[in-house]
Amino acid sequence: MGCGLANPAGLAMQVRREGEDVVCDHVFDSRQVGAPGLAHGGAVAAACDDLFGFVLYLVAEPAVTRTLEVGYRRPVRLGITHRIRARLVHREGRKLHLVAEGTDPDGVLCFDARAVFIVVGIEHFTRYGPARFEHVFAPPAPPTSSGTSANDQETTS
């Protein structure tokens, strides 16, 4: 739904790592319209939830969303690039506390989000159907000759 390119109605988010954050530059389009010219709040929430899922690449453990709260600060306009940034704030046992913010091209905060994810075993997913996670929860890649790891590259799932 969020980043998967196989869904023609999906968000097709292109995500990259910047230090301890995951970031995407996303344009909401007419498929995500809420009010005329504006993104639907559910599409904004889906983008945040999906981006939080990419933080799990850095945590290197599977987890699921327990709570998600989105604050809509300004209208989220269609057809312009919004930078969405997410990160882990802290961990409490199995609870992962995450935050995100979305800004417009002028750097104005349009929305923010907070979530709690719960770390689960792989069997949580495999009991519902076939699932492969080796690419997500494998050990970090060794640094390349440029000094960055393969995990610092742009990712799309």
N, C-alpha and C. Protein backbone atom coordinates (compact mmCIF):
# COMPACT_ATOMS: atom_id res chain seq x y z
N MET A 1 0.83 -1.20 0.00
CA MET A 1 0.00 0.00 0.00
C MET A 1 0.86 1.25 0.00
N GLY A 2 1.86 1.28 0.85
CA GLY A 2 2.66 2.50 0.98
C GLY A 2 3.74 2.62 -0.06
N CYS A 3 4.78 1.82 0.07
CA CYS A 3 5.94 2.01 -0.81
C CYS A 3 5.98 1.03 -1.96
N GLY A 4 5.20 -0.04 -1.90
CA GLY A 4 5.28 -1.07 -2.93
C GLY A 4 4.91 -0.57 -4.31
N LEU A 5 5.78 -0.79 -5.26
CA LEU A 5 5.55 -0.32 -6.63
C LEU A 5 4.52 -1.17 -7.37
N ALA A 6 4.19 -2.35 -6.86
CA ALA A 6 3.24 -3.24 -7.53
C ALA A 6 1.80 -2.75 -7.41
N ASN A 7 1.52 -1.84 -6.51
CA ASN A 7 0.16 -1.35 -6.31
C ASN A 7 0.01 -0.02 -7.05
N PRO A 8 -0.75 0.02 -8.15
CA PRO A 8 -0.88 1.26 -8.91
C PRO A 8 -1.54 2.39 -8.13
N ALA A 9 -2.28 2.07 -7.07
CA ALA A 9 -2.90 3.11 -6.25
C ALA A 9 -2.08 3.41 -5.00
N GLY A 10 -0.94 2.76 -4.85
CA GLY A 10 -0.10 2.96 -3.67
C GLY A 10 0.64 4.29 -3.70
N LEU A 11 1.34 4.56 -2.64
CA LEU A 11 2.08 5.82 -2.53
C LEU A 11 3.42 5.80 -3.26
N ALA A 12 3.97 4.62 -3.53
CA ALA A 12 5.24 4.46 -4.25
C ALA A 12 6.35 5.32 -3.65
N MET A 13 6.45 5.30 -2.34
CA MET A 13 7.44 6.12 -1.64
C MET A 13 8.86 5.60 -1.90
N GLN A 14 9.76 6.50 -2.17
CA GLN A 14 11.19 6.20 -2.33
C GLN A 14 11.87 6.67 -1.06
N VAL A 15 12.43 5.75 -0.31
CA VAL A 15 12.94 6.04 1.03
C VAL A 15 14.46 5.90 1.05
N ARG A 16 15.09 6.77 1.82
CA ARG A 16 16.54 6.70 1.99
C ARG A 16 16.89 6.92 3.46
N ARG A 17 18.07 6.51 3.81
CA ARG A 17 18.57 6.70 5.17
C ARG A 17 19.44 7.95 5.20
N GLU A 18 19.25 8.75 6.24
CA GLU A 18 20.13 9.89 6.51
C GLU A 18 20.50 9.81 7.98
N GLY A 19 21.68 9.27 8.26
CA GLY A 19 22.10 9.07 9.64
C GLY A 19 21.17 8.09 10.33
N GLU A 20 20.56 8.51 11.42
CA GLU A 20 19.63 7.66 12.17
C GLU A 20 18.17 7.88 11.76
N ASP A 21 17.94 8.68 10.73
CA ASP A 21 16.60 8.96 10.22
C ASP A 21 16.36 8.21 8.92
N VAL A 22 15.08 7.98 8.61
CA VAL A 22 14.68 7.57 7.27
C VAL A 22 13.87 8.72 6.69
N VAL A 23 14.06 8.98 5.40
CA VAL A 23 13.51 10.19 4.77
C VAL A 23 12.95 9.82 3.40
N CYS A 24 11.86 10.48 3.03
CA CYS A 24 11.39 10.39 1.65
C CYS A 24 10.86 11.76 1.23
N ASP A 25 10.99 12.03 -0.03
CA ASP A 25 10.39 13.21 -0.65
C ASP A 25 9.20 12.69 -1.44
N HIS A 26 8.01 13.07 -0.99
CA HIS A 26 6.80 12.47 -1.55
C HIS A 26 5.84 13.53 -2.07
N VAL A 27 5.23 13.23 -3.21
CA VAL A 27 4.20 14.08 -3.79
C VAL A 27 2.88 13.32 -3.71
N PHE A 28 1.94 13.83 -2.92
CA PHE A 28 0.60 13.26 -2.89
C PHE A 28 -0.09 13.69 -4.18
N ASP A 29 -0.79 12.76 -4.83
CA ASP A 29 -1.42 13.08 -6.11
C ASP A 29 -2.94 12.87 -6.05
N SER A 30 -3.58 12.98 -7.19
CA SER A 30 -5.04 12.94 -7.24
C SER A 30 -5.63 11.62 -6.73
N ARG A 31 -4.84 10.56 -6.68
CA ARG A 31 -5.32 9.29 -6.11
C ARG A 31 -5.51 9.39 -4.60
N GLN A 32 -4.87 10.38 -3.96
CA GLN A 32 -4.95 10.55 -2.51
C GLN A 32 -5.75 11.79 -2.11
N VAL A 33 -6.57 12.30 -3.00
CA VAL A 33 -7.31 13.53 -2.73
C VAL A 33 -8.31 13.34 -1.58
N GLY A 34 -8.39 14.35 -0.75
CA GLY A 34 -9.39 14.43 0.31
C GLY A 34 -10.34 15.55 -0.08
N ALA A 35 -10.01 16.76 0.32
CA ALA A 35 -10.73 17.95 -0.14
C ALA A 35 -10.07 18.40 -1.45
N PRO A 36 -10.73 19.23 -2.23
CA PRO A 36 -10.13 19.67 -3.50
C PRO A 36 -8.73 20.26 -3.30
N GLY A 37 -7.77 19.68 -4.02
CA GLY A 37 -6.39 20.17 -3.97
C GLY A 37 -5.58 19.73 -2.76
N LEU A 38 -6.20 18.95 -1.87
CA LEU A 38 -5.52 18.55 -0.64
C LEU A 38 -5.51 17.03 -0.48
N ALA A 39 -4.47 16.54 0.19
CA ALA A 39 -4.35 15.11 0.46
C ALA A 39 -5.35 14.69 1.53
N HIS A 40 -5.86 13.50 1.40
CA HIS A 40 -6.74 12.91 2.41
C HIS A 40 -5.90 12.61 3.66
N GLY A 41 -6.45 12.87 4.82
CA GLY A 41 -5.73 12.61 6.06
C GLY A 41 -5.31 11.17 6.20
N GLY A 42 -6.10 10.25 5.69
CA GLY A 42 -5.74 8.83 5.74
C GLY A 42 -4.51 8.52 4.91
N ALA A 43 -4.36 9.21 3.78
CA ALA A 43 -3.17 9.01 2.95
C ALA A 43 -1.93 9.53 3.67
N VAL A 44 -2.08 10.66 4.36
CA VAL A 44 -0.96 11.22 5.13
C VAL A 44 -0.59 10.24 6.25
N ALA A 45 -1.59 9.70 6.95
CA ALA A 45 -1.34 8.74 8.02
C ALA A 45 -0.66 7.48 7.47
N ALA A 46 -1.12 7.01 6.31
CA ALA A 46 -0.52 5.83 5.70
C ALA A 46 0.94 6.08 5.35
N ALA A 47 1.25 7.27 4.84
CA ALA A 47 2.63 7.60 4.51
C ALA A 47 3.51 7.58 5.77
N CYS A 48 3.00 8.14 6.85
CA CYS A 48 3.76 8.13 8.12
C CYS A 48 3.96 6.71 8.62
N ASP A 49 2.90 5.92 8.63
CA ASP A 49 2.98 4.54 9.11
C ASP A 49 3.96 3.74 8.28
N ASP A 50 3.91 3.92 6.97
CA ASP A 50 4.82 3.20 6.09
C ASP A 50 6.26 3.63 6.34
N LEU A 51 6.49 4.91 6.49
CA LEU A 51 7.85 5.38 6.74
C LEU A 51 8.36 4.86 8.08
N PHE A 52 7.49 4.80 9.08
CA PHE A 52 7.90 4.20 10.36
C PHE A 52 8.37 2.76 10.14
N GLY A 53 7.72 2.06 9.23
CA GLY A 53 8.15 0.69 8.93
C GLY A 53 9.59 0.64 8.46
N PHE A 54 10.05 1.67 7.78
CA PHE A 54 11.43 1.70 7.32
C PHE A 54 12.41 1.94 8.46
N VAL A 55 11.96 2.53 9.55
CA VAL A 55 12.82 2.67 10.73
C VAL A 55 13.22 1.29 11.24
N LEU A 56 12.36 0.29 11.00
CA LEU A 56 12.66 -1.07 11.44
C LEU A 56 13.91 -1.63 10.77
N TYR A 57 14.26 -1.13 9.59
CA TYR A 57 15.51 -1.53 8.96
C TYR A 57 16.68 -1.16 9.88
N LEU A 58 16.59 -0.01 10.53
CA LEU A 58 17.66 0.44 11.42
C LEU A 58 17.63 -0.31 12.75
N VAL A 59 16.44 -0.64 13.23
CA VAL A 59 16.29 -1.38 14.48
C VAL A 59 16.68 -2.85 14.27
N ALA A 60 16.49 -3.35 13.06
CA ALA A 60 16.82 -4.72 12.66
C ALA A 60 15.98 -5.76 13.38
N GLU A 61 14.72 -5.42 13.68
CA GLU A 61 13.77 -6.36 14.28
C GLU A 61 12.39 -6.08 13.69
N PRO A 62 11.60 -7.15 13.49
CA PRO A 62 10.24 -6.93 13.00
C PRO A 62 9.36 -6.36 14.11
N ALA A 63 8.43 -5.51 13.75
CA ALA A 63 7.52 -4.89 14.71
C ALA A 63 6.23 -4.52 14.00
N VAL A 64 5.20 -4.26 14.79
CA VAL A 64 3.90 -3.87 14.25
C VAL A 64 3.44 -2.59 14.95
N THR A 65 2.57 -1.86 14.28
CA THR A 65 2.04 -0.61 14.83
C THR A 65 1.07 -0.91 15.96
N ARG A 66 1.30 -0.33 17.11
CA ARG A 66 0.33 -0.42 18.21
C ARG A 66 -0.54 0.83 18.19
N THR A 67 0.10 2.02 18.16
CA THR A 67 -0.66 3.27 18.09
C THR A 67 0.00 4.18 17.07
N LEU A 68 -0.83 5.00 16.46
CA LEU A 68 -0.36 6.00 15.50
C LEU A 68 -1.20 7.24 15.69
N GLU A 69 -0.55 8.36 15.93
CA GLU A 69 -1.25 9.64 16.11
C GLU A 69 -0.64 10.64 15.13
N VAL A 70 -1.50 11.26 14.33
CA VAL A 70 -1.03 12.24 13.35
C VAL A 70 -1.62 13.60 13.70
N GLY A 71 -0.76 14.60 13.72
CA GLY A 71 -1.19 15.98 13.91
C GLY A 71 -1.15 16.70 12.58
N TYR A 72 -2.28 17.20 12.15
CA TYR A 72 -2.37 17.92 10.88
C TYR A 72 -2.22 19.40 11.20
N ARG A 73 -1.07 19.98 10.85
CA ARG A 73 -0.73 21.35 11.23
C ARG A 73 -1.08 22.38 10.16
N ARG A 74 -0.95 22.01 8.90
CA ARG A 74 -1.25 22.87 7.76
C ARG A 74 -1.85 21.99 6.66
N PRO A 75 -2.53 22.58 5.70
CA PRO A 75 -3.04 21.77 4.58
C PRO A 75 -1.89 21.06 3.86
N VAL A 76 -2.12 19.81 3.52
CA VAL A 76 -1.14 19.01 2.78
C VAL A 76 -1.58 19.04 1.32
N ARG A 77 -0.92 19.91 0.55
CA ARG A 77 -1.34 20.16 -0.83
C ARG A 77 -0.91 19.03 -1.77
N LEU A 78 -1.77 18.75 -2.72
CA LEU A 78 -1.45 17.79 -3.77
C LEU A 78 -0.45 18.41 -4.74
N GLY A 79 0.35 17.57 -5.37
CA GLY A 79 1.20 18.02 -6.47
C GLY A 79 2.47 18.74 -6.07
N ILE A 80 2.78 18.83 -4.78
CA ILE A 80 4.05 19.43 -4.36
C ILE A 80 4.81 18.41 -3.51
N THR A 81 6.09 18.56 -3.44
CA THR A 81 6.92 17.62 -2.70
C THR A 81 6.91 17.93 -1.21
N HIS A 82 6.59 16.92 -0.45
CA HIS A 82 6.68 17.00 1.02
C HIS A 82 7.83 16.12 1.46
N ARG A 83 8.69 16.63 2.29
CA ARG A 83 9.76 15.83 2.88
C ARG A 83 9.24 15.25 4.18
N ILE A 84 9.28 13.94 4.26
CA ILE A 84 8.82 13.24 5.47
C ILE A 84 10.04 12.54 6.07
N ARG A 85 10.24 12.78 7.36
CA ARG A 85 11.41 12.25 8.07
C ARG A 85 10.92 11.52 9.32
N ALA A 86 11.47 10.32 9.57
CA ALA A 86 11.06 9.53 10.74
C ALA A 86 12.29 8.95 11.44
N ARG A 87 12.12 8.70 12.74
CA ARG A 87 13.23 8.14 13.52
C ARG A 87 12.70 7.49 14.80
N LEU A 88 13.53 6.65 15.36
CA LEU A 88 13.28 6.06 16.67
C LEU A 88 13.72 7.06 17.73
N VAL A 89 12.83 7.35 18.68
CA VAL A 89 13.16 8.27 19.77
C VAL A 89 13.75 7.48 20.94
N HIS A 90 13.07 6.42 21.36
CA HIS A 90 13.62 5.55 22.39
C HIS A 90 12.90 4.21 22.39
N ARG A 91 13.52 3.29 23.08
CA ARG A 91 12.99 1.94 23.17
C ARG A 91 12.74 1.60 24.63
N GLU A 92 11.62 0.95 24.89
CA GLU A 92 11.23 0.49 26.22
C GLU A 92 10.89 -0.98 26.11
N GLY A 93 11.84 -1.87 26.31
CA GLY A 93 11.59 -3.29 26.11
C GLY A 93 11.20 -3.56 24.67
N ARG A 94 10.00 -4.10 24.46
CA ARG A 94 9.52 -4.38 23.10
C ARG A 94 8.89 -3.16 22.44
N LYS A 95 8.67 -2.07 23.18
CA LYS A 95 8.02 -0.88 22.63
C LYS A 95 9.05 0.04 21.97
N LEU A 96 8.77 0.39 20.73
CA LEU A 96 9.59 1.35 19.99
C LEU A 96 8.79 2.64 19.85
N HIS A 97 9.33 3.74 20.34
CA HIS A 97 8.66 5.04 20.26
C HIS A 97 9.27 5.81 19.09
N LEU A 98 8.42 6.17 18.12
CA LEU A 98 8.85 6.77 16.87
C LEU A 98 8.19 8.12 16.67
N VAL A 99 8.89 9.01 15.95
CA VAL A 99 8.32 10.30 15.57
C VAL A 99 8.60 10.55 14.10
N ALA A 100 7.74 11.38 13.49
CA ALA A 100 7.92 11.78 12.09
C ALA A 100 7.41 13.20 11.93
N GLU A 101 7.89 13.86 10.89
CA GLU A 101 7.37 15.18 10.52
C GLU A 101 7.40 15.31 9.01
N GLY A 102 6.42 16.04 8.50
CA GLY A 102 6.32 16.29 7.07
C GLY A 102 6.30 17.78 6.81
N THR A 103 7.19 18.25 5.95
CA THR A 103 7.29 19.67 5.64
C THR A 103 7.07 19.91 4.15
N ASP A 104 6.60 21.11 3.83
CA ASP A 104 6.40 21.49 2.43
C ASP A 104 7.72 22.01 1.85
N PRO A 105 7.75 22.40 0.57
CA PRO A 105 9.01 22.85 -0.04
C PRO A 105 9.64 24.08 0.64
N ASP A 106 8.84 24.84 1.38
CA ASP A 106 9.38 26.00 2.10
C ASP A 106 9.85 25.63 3.50
N GLY A 107 9.78 24.35 3.84
CA GLY A 107 10.20 23.90 5.16
C GLY A 107 9.15 24.09 6.25
N VAL A 108 7.93 24.43 5.86
CA VAL A 108 6.84 24.64 6.83
C VAL A 108 6.29 23.28 7.26
N LEU A 109 6.17 23.07 8.57
CA LEU A 109 5.63 21.83 9.11
C LEU A 109 4.15 21.72 8.74
N CYS A 110 3.79 20.66 8.01
CA CYS A 110 2.40 20.43 7.63
C CYS A 110 1.75 19.34 8.48
N PHE A 111 2.53 18.37 8.92
CA PHE A 111 2.01 17.30 9.77
C PHE A 111 3.15 16.68 10.56
N ASP A 112 2.79 16.10 11.67
CA ASP A 112 3.74 15.33 12.45
C ASP A 112 3.03 14.08 12.95
N ALA A 113 3.80 13.11 13.39
CA ALA A 113 3.21 11.85 13.84
C ALA A 113 4.05 11.24 14.94
N ARG A 114 3.35 10.50 15.78
CA ARG A 114 4.00 9.73 16.84
C ARG A 114 3.40 8.34 16.79
N ALA A 115 4.23 7.35 17.06
CA ALA A 115 3.74 5.98 17.04
C ALA A 115 4.48 5.15 18.07
N VAL A 116 3.82 4.09 18.48
CA VAL A 116 4.45 3.04 19.26
C VAL A 116 4.33 1.77 18.43
N PHE A 117 5.47 1.15 18.17
CA PHE A 117 5.51 -0.13 17.50
C PHE A 117 5.92 -1.17 18.54
N ILE A 118 5.44 -2.40 18.37
CA ILE A 118 5.77 -3.49 19.27
C ILE A 118 6.59 -4.52 18.50
N VAL A 119 7.76 -4.85 19.03
CA VAL A 119 8.61 -5.86 18.41
C VAL A 119 7.94 -7.22 18.56
N VAL A 120 7.87 -7.96 17.45
CA VAL A 120 7.25 -9.28 17.41
C VAL A 120 8.19 -10.25 16.72
N GLY A 121 7.92 -11.53 16.87
CA GLY A 121 8.68 -12.55 16.15
C GLY A 121 8.20 -12.66 14.72
N ILE A 122 9.04 -13.21 13.87
CA ILE A 122 8.69 -13.40 12.46
C ILE A 122 7.42 -14.23 12.32
N GLU A 123 7.19 -15.16 13.26
CA GLU A 123 6.01 -16.01 13.18
C GLU A 123 4.71 -15.21 13.24
N HIS A 124 4.77 -14.01 13.77
CA HIS A 124 3.57 -13.15 13.77
C HIS A 124 3.08 -12.92 12.33
N PHE A 125 3.99 -12.82 11.40
CA PHE A 125 3.64 -12.57 9.99
C PHE A 125 3.43 -13.87 9.23
N THR A 126 4.28 -14.85 9.45
CA THR A 126 4.23 -16.07 8.65
C THR A 126 2.98 -16.91 8.93
N ARG A 127 2.34 -16.70 10.08
CA ARG A 127 1.12 -17.47 10.35
C ARG A 127 -0.03 -17.04 9.45
N TYR A 128 0.07 -15.88 8.81
CA TYR A 128 -1.00 -15.38 7.95
C TYR A 128 -0.73 -15.61 6.46
N GLY A 129 0.43 -16.10 6.14
CA GLY A 129 0.77 -16.36 4.75
C GLY A 129 2.27 -16.32 4.57
N PRO A 130 2.74 -16.68 3.38
CA PRO A 130 4.18 -16.68 3.15
C PRO A 130 4.76 -15.28 3.29
N ALA A 131 5.88 -15.19 3.93
CA ALA A 131 6.54 -13.89 4.13
C ALA A 131 8.04 -14.10 4.13
N ARG A 132 8.75 -13.15 3.54
CA ARG A 132 10.21 -13.18 3.51
C ARG A 132 10.72 -11.88 4.07
N PHE A 133 11.62 -11.98 5.04
CA PHE A 133 12.14 -10.79 5.70
C PHE A 133 13.66 -10.77 5.76
N GLU A 134 14.32 -11.73 5.12
CA GLU A 134 15.77 -11.78 5.23
C GLU A 134 16.41 -10.46 4.80
N HIS A 135 15.88 -9.83 3.76
CA HIS A 135 16.44 -8.60 3.23
C HIS A 135 16.28 -7.43 4.21
N VAL A 136 15.32 -7.54 5.12
CA VAL A 136 15.05 -6.45 6.05
C VAL A 136 15.83 -6.62 7.33
N PHE A 137 15.88 -7.84 7.87
CA PHE A 137 16.44 -8.04 9.19
C PHE A 137 17.75 -8.81 9.16
N ALA A 138 18.45 -8.72 8.04
CA ALA A 138 19.77 -9.32 7.93
C ALA A 138 20.79 -8.42 8.65
N PRO A 139 21.95 -8.97 8.99
CA PRO A 139 22.98 -8.12 9.62
C PRO A 139 23.35 -6.97 8.71
N PRO A 140 23.80 -5.84 9.27
CA PRO A 140 24.18 -4.68 8.45
C PRO A 140 25.25 -5.05 7.43
N ALA A 141 25.15 -4.45 6.26
CA ALA A 141 26.13 -4.68 5.20
C ALA A 141 27.45 -4.02 5.56
N PRO A 142 28.56 -4.62 5.14
CA PRO A 142 29.86 -3.99 5.41
C PRO A 142 30.00 -2.70 4.63
N PRO A 143 30.84 -1.78 5.11
CA PRO A 143 31.05 -0.52 4.39
C PRO A 143 31.61 -0.77 3.00
N THR A 144 31.24 0.08 2.05
CA THR A 144 31.77 0.01 0.70
C THR A 144 33.05 0.82 0.65
N SER A 145 33.68 0.84 -0.49
CA SER A 145 34.91 1.61 -0.63
C SER A 145 34.69 3.10 -0.44
N SER A 146 33.44 3.57 -0.60
CA SER A 146 33.15 5.00 -0.42
C SER A 146 32.96 5.35 1.06
N GLY A 147 32.99 4.31 1.94
CA GLY A 147 32.84 4.58 3.36
C GLY A 147 31.42 4.51 3.87
N THR A 148 30.44 4.31 2.97
CA THR A 148 29.05 4.17 3.41
C THR A 148 28.67 2.72 3.30
N SER A 149 27.76 2.27 4.11
CA SER A 149 27.31 0.88 4.02
C SER A 149 26.22 0.79 2.96
N ALA A 150 25.98 -0.43 2.53
CA ALA A 150 24.92 -0.67 1.56
C ALA A 150 23.57 -0.25 2.14
N ASN A 151 23.44 -0.25 3.48
CA ASN A 151 22.20 0.15 4.12
C ASN A 151 21.95 1.64 4.01
N ASP A 152 22.93 2.43 3.63
CA ASP A 152 22.74 3.88 3.48
C ASP A 152 22.19 4.22 2.11
N GLN A 153 21.95 3.21 1.28
CA GLN A 153 21.46 3.46 -0.07
C GLN A 153 19.96 3.65 -0.05
N GLU A 154 19.43 4.20 -1.15
CA GLU A 154 17.98 4.39 -1.29
C GLU A 154 17.29 3.05 -1.37
N THR A 155 16.12 2.95 -0.75
CA THR A 155 15.39 1.68 -0.66
C THR A 155 13.95 1.89 -1.06
N THR A 156 13.40 0.92 -1.76
CA THR A 156 11.97 0.88 -2.06
C THR A 156 11.52 -0.53 -1.77
N SER A 157 10.44 -0.69 -1.04
CA SER A 157 9.95 -2.05 -0.81
C SER A 157 8.65 -2.26 -1.53
